N, C-alpha and C. Protein backbone atom coordinates (compact mmCIF):
# COMPACT_ATOMS: atom_id res chain seq x y z
N MET A 1 1.08 -1.03 -0.29
CA MET A 1 -0.03 -0.25 0.02
C MET A 1 0.62 1.00 0.24
N ASN A 2 1.14 2.16 -0.78
CA ASN A 2 1.61 3.43 -1.43
C ASN A 2 0.86 4.96 -1.12
N LEU A 3 -0.55 4.97 -0.33
CA LEU A 3 -1.40 6.18 -1.11
C LEU A 3 -1.39 7.84 -1.03
N GLU A 4 -0.58 8.41 -1.16
CA GLU A 4 -0.41 9.95 -1.45
C GLU A 4 -1.69 10.18 -2.12
N PHE A 5 -1.42 11.16 -0.31
CA PHE A 5 -2.75 12.96 -1.34
C PHE A 5 -2.74 13.98 -1.21
N GLU A 6 -3.15 15.08 -1.43
CA GLU A 6 -2.44 16.41 -0.78
C GLU A 6 -3.95 16.91 -0.58
N ILE A 7 -3.43 17.87 0.84
CA ILE A 7 -5.08 18.74 1.31
C ILE A 7 -4.29 20.20 1.69
N LYS A 8 -5.05 20.54 1.48
CA LYS A 8 -4.97 22.39 1.70
C LYS A 8 -4.97 23.03 2.29
N MET A 9 -5.14 23.16 3.42
CA MET A 9 -5.68 23.66 5.00
C MET A 9 -6.80 24.86 4.94
N THR A 10 -7.35 25.22 4.81
CA THR A 10 -8.29 25.92 5.03
C THR A 10 -8.39 26.75 6.24
N THR A 11 -9.13 28.24 6.90
CA THR A 11 -9.33 28.44 7.87
C THR A 11 -10.63 27.59 8.25
N LYS A 12 -11.77 27.49 6.74
CA LYS A 12 -13.25 27.08 7.66
C LYS A 12 -12.88 25.73 7.65
N ASP A 13 -11.76 25.04 7.55
CA ASP A 13 -11.10 22.82 7.81
C ASP A 13 -11.12 23.23 8.93
N LEU A 14 -9.86 24.48 9.55
CA LEU A 14 -9.45 24.04 10.70
C LEU A 14 -10.26 24.53 11.89
N TYR A 15 -10.99 26.18 11.50
CA TYR A 15 -12.42 26.34 12.26
C TYR A 15 -13.68 25.26 12.29
N LYS A 16 -13.33 23.88 11.16
CA LYS A 16 -14.81 22.93 12.31
C LYS A 16 -13.98 22.25 13.19
N TYR A 17 -12.57 21.69 12.80
CA TYR A 17 -11.42 20.94 14.25
C TYR A 17 -11.91 21.13 14.94
N ASN A 18 -11.73 22.92 15.42
CA ASN A 18 -11.26 23.45 16.71
C ASN A 18 -12.90 23.46 16.92
N MET A 19 -13.81 23.84 16.39
CA MET A 19 -15.42 23.73 16.89
C MET A 19 -15.47 22.39 17.70
N ARG A 20 -15.20 21.43 16.71
CA ARG A 20 -15.95 20.47 17.62
C ARG A 20 -14.63 19.54 18.62
N ASN A 21 -13.69 20.62 18.71
CA ASN A 21 -12.88 19.71 19.82
C ASN A 21 -13.58 21.33 21.05
N ALA A 22 -13.78 21.92 20.69
CA ALA A 22 -14.36 23.16 22.28
C ALA A 22 -15.30 22.42 22.27
N TYR A 23 -16.47 22.22 21.64
CA TYR A 23 -17.94 22.18 22.16
C TYR A 23 -18.08 20.46 22.33
N THR A 24 -17.38 20.08 22.75
CA THR A 24 -17.11 17.84 23.74
C THR A 24 -15.64 18.35 24.64
N SER A 25 -15.50 19.74 25.00
CA SER A 25 -14.10 19.64 26.03
C SER A 25 -15.22 19.98 27.10
N MET A 26 -14.36 20.31 28.58
CA MET A 26 -15.55 20.69 29.13
C MET A 26 -15.65 22.48 28.69
N GLN A 27 -14.87 23.23 28.46
CA GLN A 27 -15.34 24.88 28.02
C GLN A 27 -16.73 24.66 27.25
N GLY A 28 -16.68 23.76 26.20
CA GLY A 28 -17.87 23.59 25.59
C GLY A 28 -19.15 23.16 26.68
N ILE A 29 -19.07 22.31 27.29
CA ILE A 29 -20.00 22.30 27.75
C ILE A 29 -21.10 23.02 29.22
N LEU A 30 -19.91 23.29 29.78
CA LEU A 30 -19.69 24.61 30.47
C LEU A 30 -20.54 26.42 30.04
N SER A 31 -19.58 26.08 28.86
CA SER A 31 -20.62 27.08 27.80
C SER A 31 -22.14 27.19 27.33
N ILE A 32 -22.33 25.76 26.65
CA ILE A 32 -23.98 25.98 27.61
C ILE A 32 -24.67 25.50 27.85
N ILE A 33 -23.86 25.25 29.27
CA ILE A 33 -24.88 25.22 30.13
C ILE A 33 -25.17 26.73 30.76
N CYS A 34 -23.47 27.34 30.60
CA CYS A 34 -24.02 28.63 31.26
C CYS A 34 -25.18 29.34 30.53
N SER A 35 -25.40 29.06 29.20
CA SER A 35 -26.31 29.85 28.38
C SER A 35 -28.05 29.96 28.86
N ALA A 36 -28.29 28.24 28.10
CA ALA A 36 -29.08 27.18 29.43
C ALA A 36 -29.32 28.08 30.27
N LEU A 37 -28.79 28.49 31.23
CA LEU A 37 -29.66 28.47 33.15
C LEU A 37 -29.25 30.53 32.75
N VAL A 38 -28.90 30.83 31.58
CA VAL A 38 -29.26 32.27 31.95
C VAL A 38 -30.48 32.54 31.41
N VAL A 39 -30.68 31.78 30.00
CA VAL A 39 -31.51 31.83 29.42
C VAL A 39 -33.02 31.62 30.08
N PHE A 40 -33.21 30.24 30.67
CA PHE A 40 -33.99 30.26 32.21
C PHE A 40 -34.61 30.80 32.95
N VAL A 41 -32.91 30.90 33.80
CA VAL A 41 -34.07 32.47 34.41
C VAL A 41 -34.04 34.02 34.00
N PHE A 42 -33.51 33.99 32.57
CA PHE A 42 -34.98 35.67 32.08
C PHE A 42 -35.83 35.26 31.70
N ILE A 43 -36.99 34.17 31.70
CA ILE A 43 -37.48 33.60 30.96
C ILE A 43 -38.32 33.52 32.37
N TRP A 44 -37.64 33.09 33.48
CA TRP A 44 -38.50 32.77 34.91
C TRP A 44 -38.89 33.97 35.45
N LYS A 45 -37.81 35.06 35.69
CA LYS A 45 -37.70 36.26 36.29
C LYS A 45 -38.40 37.27 35.72
N PHE A 46 -38.66 37.08 34.23
CA PHE A 46 -39.10 38.36 33.59
C PHE A 46 -39.70 39.52 34.28
N ASP A 47 -40.77 39.08 33.99
CA ASP A 47 -41.31 40.09 34.83
C ASP A 47 -40.97 40.62 36.23
N SER A 48 -40.30 40.28 36.33
CA SER A 48 -39.40 40.85 37.82
C SER A 48 -38.10 42.00 38.09
N LEU A 49 -37.84 42.03 35.97
CA LEU A 49 -36.45 42.26 35.68
C LEU A 49 -36.72 43.44 35.68
N THR A 50 -35.82 44.53 35.97
CA THR A 50 -35.84 45.32 35.29
C THR A 50 -35.38 45.64 34.06
N THR A 51 -35.54 47.04 33.75
CA THR A 51 -35.13 46.92 31.63
C THR A 51 -33.47 46.49 31.68
N LEU A 52 -32.25 47.10 33.02
CA LEU A 52 -31.03 46.86 33.01
C LEU A 52 -30.39 45.73 32.60
N TYR A 53 -31.60 44.68 34.01
CA TYR A 53 -31.79 43.41 34.34
C TYR A 53 -31.74 42.55 32.98
N LYS A 54 -32.43 43.13 32.00
CA LYS A 54 -33.11 42.15 30.82
C LYS A 54 -31.47 41.89 29.84
N ALA A 55 -31.33 43.77 30.65
CA ALA A 55 -30.56 43.30 28.77
C ALA A 55 -28.99 42.94 29.03
N LEU A 56 -29.03 43.57 30.28
CA LEU A 56 -27.13 42.20 30.77
C LEU A 56 -27.47 40.75 29.88
N PHE A 57 -28.91 40.63 30.81
CA PHE A 57 -29.40 38.85 30.80
C PHE A 57 -29.06 38.71 29.47
N VAL A 58 -29.77 39.57 27.95
CA VAL A 58 -29.50 38.89 26.62
C VAL A 58 -28.07 38.78 27.04
N VAL A 59 -27.47 40.24 26.72
CA VAL A 59 -25.32 40.38 26.78
C VAL A 59 -25.18 38.65 26.88
N LEU A 60 -24.93 38.55 28.24
CA LEU A 60 -24.95 37.33 29.26
C LEU A 60 -24.84 35.88 28.75
N ALA A 61 -26.41 35.99 27.80
CA ALA A 61 -26.54 34.49 27.26
C ALA A 61 -25.60 35.20 25.54
N ILE A 62 -26.18 36.18 24.99
CA ILE A 62 -24.78 36.13 23.71
C ILE A 62 -23.48 35.64 24.31
N ALA A 63 -22.99 36.07 25.33
CA ALA A 63 -21.70 36.33 24.86
C ALA A 63 -21.41 34.90 25.38
N PHE A 64 -22.34 34.43 25.79
CA PHE A 64 -21.79 32.90 26.50
C PHE A 64 -21.74 32.14 25.27
N LEU A 65 -22.75 32.35 24.71
CA LEU A 65 -23.24 31.56 23.43
C LEU A 65 -21.98 32.07 22.15
N ALA A 66 -21.85 32.89 21.51
CA ALA A 66 -20.80 34.16 20.39
C ALA A 66 -19.52 33.38 21.11
N TYR A 67 -18.94 34.04 22.39
CA TYR A 67 -17.93 34.58 22.58
C TYR A 67 -16.97 33.00 21.63
N ILE A 68 -17.05 31.72 22.19
CA ILE A 68 -16.35 30.59 21.74
C ILE A 68 -16.16 30.52 20.25
N PRO A 69 -17.53 30.40 19.35
CA PRO A 69 -17.22 30.58 18.20
C PRO A 69 -15.93 31.30 17.22
N ILE A 70 -16.83 32.86 17.88
CA ILE A 70 -15.65 33.76 17.34
C ILE A 70 -14.82 34.22 17.38
N SER A 71 -14.25 33.86 18.61
CA SER A 71 -12.61 33.57 19.27
C SER A 71 -11.86 32.44 17.76
N LEU A 72 -12.71 31.28 18.61
CA LEU A 72 -12.26 30.50 16.86
C LEU A 72 -12.01 31.09 16.18
N TYR A 73 -12.76 31.21 15.16
CA TYR A 73 -12.42 31.66 13.97
C TYR A 73 -11.48 32.59 13.95
N ILE A 74 -11.68 33.61 14.64
CA ILE A 74 -10.28 34.31 14.43
C ILE A 74 -8.70 34.01 14.22
N ARG A 75 -9.42 32.92 15.85
CA ARG A 75 -7.75 31.65 15.45
C ARG A 75 -7.17 31.49 14.38
N SER A 76 -8.77 30.73 13.88
CA SER A 76 -8.09 30.06 12.86
C SER A 76 -8.00 30.66 11.85
N LYS A 77 -8.44 31.49 11.64
CA LYS A 77 -7.98 32.58 10.99
C LYS A 77 -6.46 32.89 10.19
N GLN A 78 -6.52 33.36 11.98
CA GLN A 78 -5.14 34.11 12.33
C GLN A 78 -3.68 32.65 11.75
N ILE A 79 -4.10 31.27 12.55
CA ILE A 79 -3.55 30.37 11.99
C ILE A 79 -2.90 30.32 10.21
N VAL A 80 -4.34 30.00 9.87
CA VAL A 80 -3.80 29.95 8.83
C VAL A 80 -3.06 31.06 8.19
N ALA A 81 -3.38 31.47 8.46
CA ALA A 81 -2.81 32.98 7.18
C ALA A 81 -0.77 33.53 7.67
N THR A 82 -0.12 32.77 9.21
CA THR A 82 0.37 32.73 9.48
C THR A 82 1.56 32.21 9.45
N THR A 83 0.83 30.47 9.29
CA THR A 83 1.56 29.88 9.06
C THR A 83 1.90 28.84 8.54
N ASP A 84 3.82 29.32 8.41
CA ASP A 84 4.58 28.46 6.50
C ASP A 84 3.48 27.69 6.32
N VAL A 85 3.57 25.90 6.80
CA VAL A 85 3.39 25.30 6.65
C VAL A 85 1.59 25.19 5.98
N PHE A 86 1.21 25.52 6.67
CA PHE A 86 -0.48 25.67 5.91
C PHE A 86 -0.83 26.85 4.64
N LYS A 87 0.47 27.61 4.42
CA LYS A 87 0.47 28.57 3.04
C LYS A 87 0.65 27.28 1.78
N GLU A 88 0.95 26.30 1.81
CA GLU A 88 1.05 24.92 0.62
C GLU A 88 0.37 23.70 1.06
N PRO A 89 0.21 22.73 -0.23
CA PRO A 89 -0.79 22.19 0.32
C PRO A 89 0.70 20.96 0.65
N LEU A 90 -0.17 20.41 2.28
CA LEU A 90 -0.12 19.00 3.00
C LEU A 90 -0.05 17.99 1.97
N THR A 91 1.09 17.21 1.91
CA THR A 91 1.78 15.82 1.27
C THR A 91 1.26 14.59 2.11
N PHE A 92 0.02 13.82 2.68
CA PHE A 92 0.37 12.75 2.99
C PHE A 92 0.50 11.50 2.24
N ILE A 93 1.03 10.85 3.24
CA ILE A 93 1.85 9.49 2.21
C ILE A 93 1.69 8.33 3.49
N PHE A 94 0.61 7.17 2.59
CA PHE A 94 -0.20 6.06 3.79
C PHE A 94 0.90 4.96 3.69
N ASP A 95 1.88 4.45 4.12
CA ASP A 95 2.80 3.41 3.38
C ASP A 95 2.54 2.01 5.03
N GLU A 96 3.33 1.16 4.18
CA GLU A 96 2.44 0.60 5.46
C GLU A 96 3.26 0.09 6.43
N GLU A 97 3.89 1.37 6.71
CA GLU A 97 5.02 1.14 8.42
C GLU A 97 3.77 2.06 9.20
N ALA A 98 3.93 3.47 8.30
CA ALA A 98 3.25 4.98 8.85
C ALA A 98 2.62 6.13 7.53
N ILE A 99 2.52 6.92 8.44
CA ILE A 99 1.58 7.98 7.47
C ILE A 99 2.96 9.11 8.04
N ASN A 100 3.11 9.64 6.39
CA ASN A 100 4.41 10.30 6.32
C ASN A 100 3.39 11.36 6.24
N LEU A 101 4.00 13.32 6.90
CA LEU A 101 3.43 13.83 6.40
C LEU A 101 4.30 15.38 6.00
N LYS A 102 4.09 15.58 4.23
CA LYS A 102 5.30 16.71 4.35
C LYS A 102 4.80 17.93 3.61
N SER A 103 5.80 18.57 4.04
CA SER A 103 5.47 20.45 3.84
C SER A 103 6.52 20.93 2.50
N PRO A 104 5.79 21.56 1.96
CA PRO A 104 6.27 22.12 0.93
C PRO A 104 8.02 22.64 1.37
N VAL A 105 7.50 23.52 2.53
CA VAL A 105 8.92 24.70 3.35
C VAL A 105 9.20 23.58 4.27
N ALA A 106 9.28 22.80 4.64
CA ALA A 106 9.93 21.90 6.07
C ALA A 106 10.92 20.76 4.84
N THR A 107 11.04 21.38 5.95
CA THR A 107 13.22 20.62 5.51
C THR A 107 13.25 18.69 5.65
N GLU A 108 13.58 18.21 5.62
CA GLU A 108 13.87 16.20 5.70
C GLU A 108 13.57 16.20 6.53
N ASP A 109 14.16 16.96 7.92
CA ASP A 109 14.72 16.75 9.09
C ASP A 109 13.16 17.16 9.79
N ASP A 110 12.16 17.94 9.04
CA ASP A 110 11.81 18.15 9.67
C ASP A 110 9.46 17.19 9.22
N GLU A 111 9.83 16.48 8.46
CA GLU A 111 8.75 15.32 8.15
C GLU A 111 8.42 14.93 9.01
N THR A 112 6.86 14.88 8.90
CA THR A 112 6.69 14.01 10.30
C THR A 112 6.01 13.04 9.79
N VAL A 113 6.46 11.44 10.47
CA VAL A 113 6.14 10.05 10.48
C VAL A 113 5.26 9.86 12.17
N LEU A 114 3.74 9.12 11.58
CA LEU A 114 3.24 8.76 12.48
C LEU A 114 2.51 7.03 12.54
N PRO A 115 3.51 6.18 12.88
CA PRO A 115 3.93 4.97 13.39
C PRO A 115 2.35 4.23 13.33
N TRP A 116 1.30 3.54 12.54
CA TRP A 116 -0.38 3.26 12.43
C TRP A 116 -0.19 3.27 14.11
N GLU A 117 0.54 2.39 14.94
CA GLU A 117 -0.19 1.96 16.22
C GLU A 117 -0.10 3.17 17.47
N ASP A 118 0.60 4.48 17.12
CA ASP A 118 0.49 5.59 17.48
C ASP A 118 -0.46 6.54 17.42
N ILE A 119 -1.40 5.81 16.64
CA ILE A 119 -2.62 6.87 16.42
C ILE A 119 -3.98 6.22 17.05
N TYR A 120 -4.19 7.96 18.45
CA TYR A 120 -5.20 7.34 19.18
C TYR A 120 -6.14 7.25 18.79
N LYS A 121 -6.45 7.80 17.62
CA LYS A 121 -7.84 7.52 17.61
C LYS A 121 -7.91 8.22 15.90
N VAL A 122 -9.69 7.91 15.67
CA VAL A 122 -9.54 8.10 13.50
C VAL A 122 -11.27 8.69 13.71
N VAL A 123 -11.53 9.76 14.45
CA VAL A 123 -13.58 10.43 14.35
C VAL A 123 -13.52 10.18 12.41
N LYS A 124 -14.19 9.71 12.12
CA LYS A 124 -15.36 10.37 11.34
C LYS A 124 -16.24 11.68 10.96
N THR A 125 -16.20 12.95 10.62
CA THR A 125 -17.59 13.21 10.67
C THR A 125 -18.37 13.17 9.85
N LYS A 126 -18.84 14.78 9.39
CA LYS A 126 -19.76 15.26 7.87
C LYS A 126 -18.78 15.75 7.03
N SER A 127 -17.51 16.66 7.24
CA SER A 127 -17.05 17.07 6.59
C SER A 127 -14.89 17.10 6.60
N LEU A 128 -15.34 16.83 7.87
CA LEU A 128 -13.70 15.14 7.90
C LEU A 128 -13.53 14.37 8.26
N ILE A 129 -11.99 14.23 8.22
CA ILE A 129 -11.22 13.08 8.60
C ILE A 129 -10.14 13.05 9.58
N LEU A 130 -10.16 12.91 11.08
CA LEU A 130 -9.86 12.99 12.03
C LEU A 130 -8.97 12.26 12.62
N ILE A 131 -7.22 12.27 12.31
CA ILE A 131 -6.81 11.24 13.02
C ILE A 131 -5.71 11.61 13.95
N TYR A 132 -6.45 12.01 15.52
CA TYR A 132 -5.82 12.11 16.01
C TYR A 132 -4.08 11.48 16.82
N THR A 133 -3.29 11.92 17.24
CA THR A 133 -2.25 11.24 17.90
C THR A 133 -2.24 11.96 19.17
N ASN A 134 -3.33 12.23 20.08
CA ASN A 134 -3.67 12.75 21.50
C ASN A 134 -4.86 12.96 21.37
N ARG A 135 -5.41 13.02 22.99
CA ARG A 135 -6.16 13.12 23.15
C ARG A 135 -7.35 15.02 22.99
N VAL A 136 -6.06 14.92 22.08
CA VAL A 136 -6.92 17.33 21.75
C VAL A 136 -5.50 17.44 20.45
N SER A 137 -4.59 16.72 20.01
CA SER A 137 -4.53 16.68 18.53
C SER A 137 -4.60 16.12 17.14
N ALA A 138 -4.75 16.57 16.15
CA ALA A 138 -5.49 15.05 15.16
C ALA A 138 -4.60 16.33 14.01
N TYR A 139 -4.28 15.04 13.20
CA TYR A 139 -3.50 15.57 11.20
C TYR A 139 -5.19 15.67 10.96
N ILE A 140 -5.36 16.55 9.90
CA ILE A 140 -7.22 16.74 9.63
C ILE A 140 -7.16 16.90 7.95
N ILE A 141 -8.38 16.16 8.02
CA ILE A 141 -8.34 15.85 6.14
C ILE A 141 -9.31 16.18 6.21
N PRO A 142 -10.02 17.40 5.22
CA PRO A 142 -11.15 17.93 4.38
C PRO A 142 -11.58 16.62 3.75
N ARG A 143 -12.64 15.38 3.86
CA ARG A 143 -13.58 15.06 2.89
C ARG A 143 -13.82 15.86 1.60
N GLU A 144 -13.69 17.17 1.17
CA GLU A 144 -14.22 17.26 -0.05
C GLU A 144 -13.03 17.63 -0.62
N GLN A 145 -11.87 17.80 -0.04
CA GLN A 145 -10.75 17.29 -0.30
C GLN A 145 -9.84 15.84 -1.51
N ILE A 146 -10.95 14.92 -0.74
CA ILE A 146 -10.70 14.47 -1.06
C ILE A 146 -11.61 12.80 -1.95
N VAL A 147 -12.29 13.88 -2.23
CA VAL A 147 -13.46 12.90 -2.85
C VAL A 147 -13.45 10.83 -3.37
N ASP A 148 -12.21 11.60 -4.29
CA ASP A 148 -11.88 10.39 -4.98
C ASP A 148 -10.70 9.65 -4.55
N LYS A 149 -10.48 10.27 -3.23
CA LYS A 149 -10.04 9.13 -2.74
C LYS A 149 -9.93 7.99 -1.02
N GLU A 150 -11.52 8.85 -1.03
CA GLU A 150 -12.12 9.05 0.36
C GLU A 150 -11.81 7.44 0.62
N LYS A 151 -12.19 6.40 -0.07
CA LYS A 151 -12.41 4.95 -0.22
C LYS A 151 -11.62 4.78 0.23
N GLU A 152 -10.60 5.16 -0.74
CA GLU A 152 -8.76 4.13 -0.64
C GLU A 152 -8.66 4.37 1.17
N ILE A 153 -9.12 5.80 1.88
CA ILE A 153 -8.30 6.28 2.77
C ILE A 153 -8.46 5.38 3.48
N ILE A 154 -9.64 5.70 3.31
CA ILE A 154 -11.47 4.88 4.38
C ILE A 154 -10.59 3.43 5.11
N ASP A 155 -10.36 2.52 3.67
CA ASP A 155 -10.44 0.88 4.08
C ASP A 155 -8.74 0.96 4.45
N ALA A 156 -7.41 2.20 4.03
CA ALA A 156 -5.77 2.05 4.83
C ALA A 156 -6.57 2.63 6.03
N LEU A 157 -7.27 2.93 5.94
CA LEU A 157 -7.36 3.29 7.94
C LEU A 157 -7.93 2.43 8.96
N LYS A 158 -8.53 1.71 8.15
CA LYS A 158 -9.68 0.06 8.85
C LYS A 158 -8.97 -1.50 8.81
N ASP A 159 -7.83 -0.86 8.29
CA ASP A 159 -6.63 -1.86 7.94
C ASP A 159 -5.59 -1.77 8.89
N LYS A 160 -5.74 -0.54 9.25
CA LYS A 160 -3.64 -0.72 9.63
C LYS A 160 -3.74 -0.43 11.30
N VAL A 161 -5.28 0.68 10.90
CA VAL A 161 -6.37 0.54 12.68
C VAL A 161 -7.30 0.25 13.26
N ASP A 162 -7.03 -0.16 14.93
CA ASP A 162 -7.36 -0.56 15.55
C ASP A 162 -8.95 -0.59 16.19
N ALA A 163 -9.56 -1.78 15.56
CA ALA A 163 -11.22 -0.98 15.45
C ALA A 163 -11.71 -0.33 16.44
N PHE A 164 -11.55 -0.81 17.22
CA PHE A 164 -11.50 0.58 18.45
C PHE A 164 -11.35 1.88 18.84
N LYS A 165 -9.90 2.04 17.68
CA LYS A 165 -9.91 3.79 17.53
C LYS A 165 -10.15 4.41 16.79
N LEU A 166 -11.38 3.59 16.19
CA LEU A 166 -12.29 4.24 14.91
C LEU A 166 -13.92 4.69 15.16
N ARG A 167 -14.13 6.10 14.49
CA ARG A 167 -15.54 6.53 15.11
C ARG A 167 -15.73 7.02 13.59
N GLY A 168 -17.01 6.71 13.61
CA GLY A 168 -17.91 6.89 12.13
C GLY A 168 -17.50 6.17 11.22
N LEU A 169 -15.97 5.36 11.52
CA LEU A 169 -15.68 5.24 9.58
C LEU A 169 -16.53 3.61 9.89
């Protein structure tokens, strides 16, 4: 097996990955709970609140709901714009021993090699295939960029990665 394909990282793809990580973490869950709590108290106490407190509750609810997505989008855009590795397409090479990741801006010493046995987990979402190297870090493969090779990639992952590490494949 020697499967090779290129990925051009975009702000949208990095943002989707960051949103997924944020809202499956404690920070994201607490953000949703706090928003729901603010909305619940706002509705429950609406008649007894002054106009100032009504406005404050609306601002708090919006802040809890909007802060994480907006900050993640800004951060994703900044990372894609300023990181040299994301300025050119990344080449993924799946071989018998490992996943190799090459970038035109990296030297040979910077080449990334991920042995199949070191993969933490693989998750397929609606728009991404995520190959996690630990609990939070992953190689991001946008599915819209691999339409012609997606089946081969998934078959390789199923063949080389333990079944309990695969989600959604």
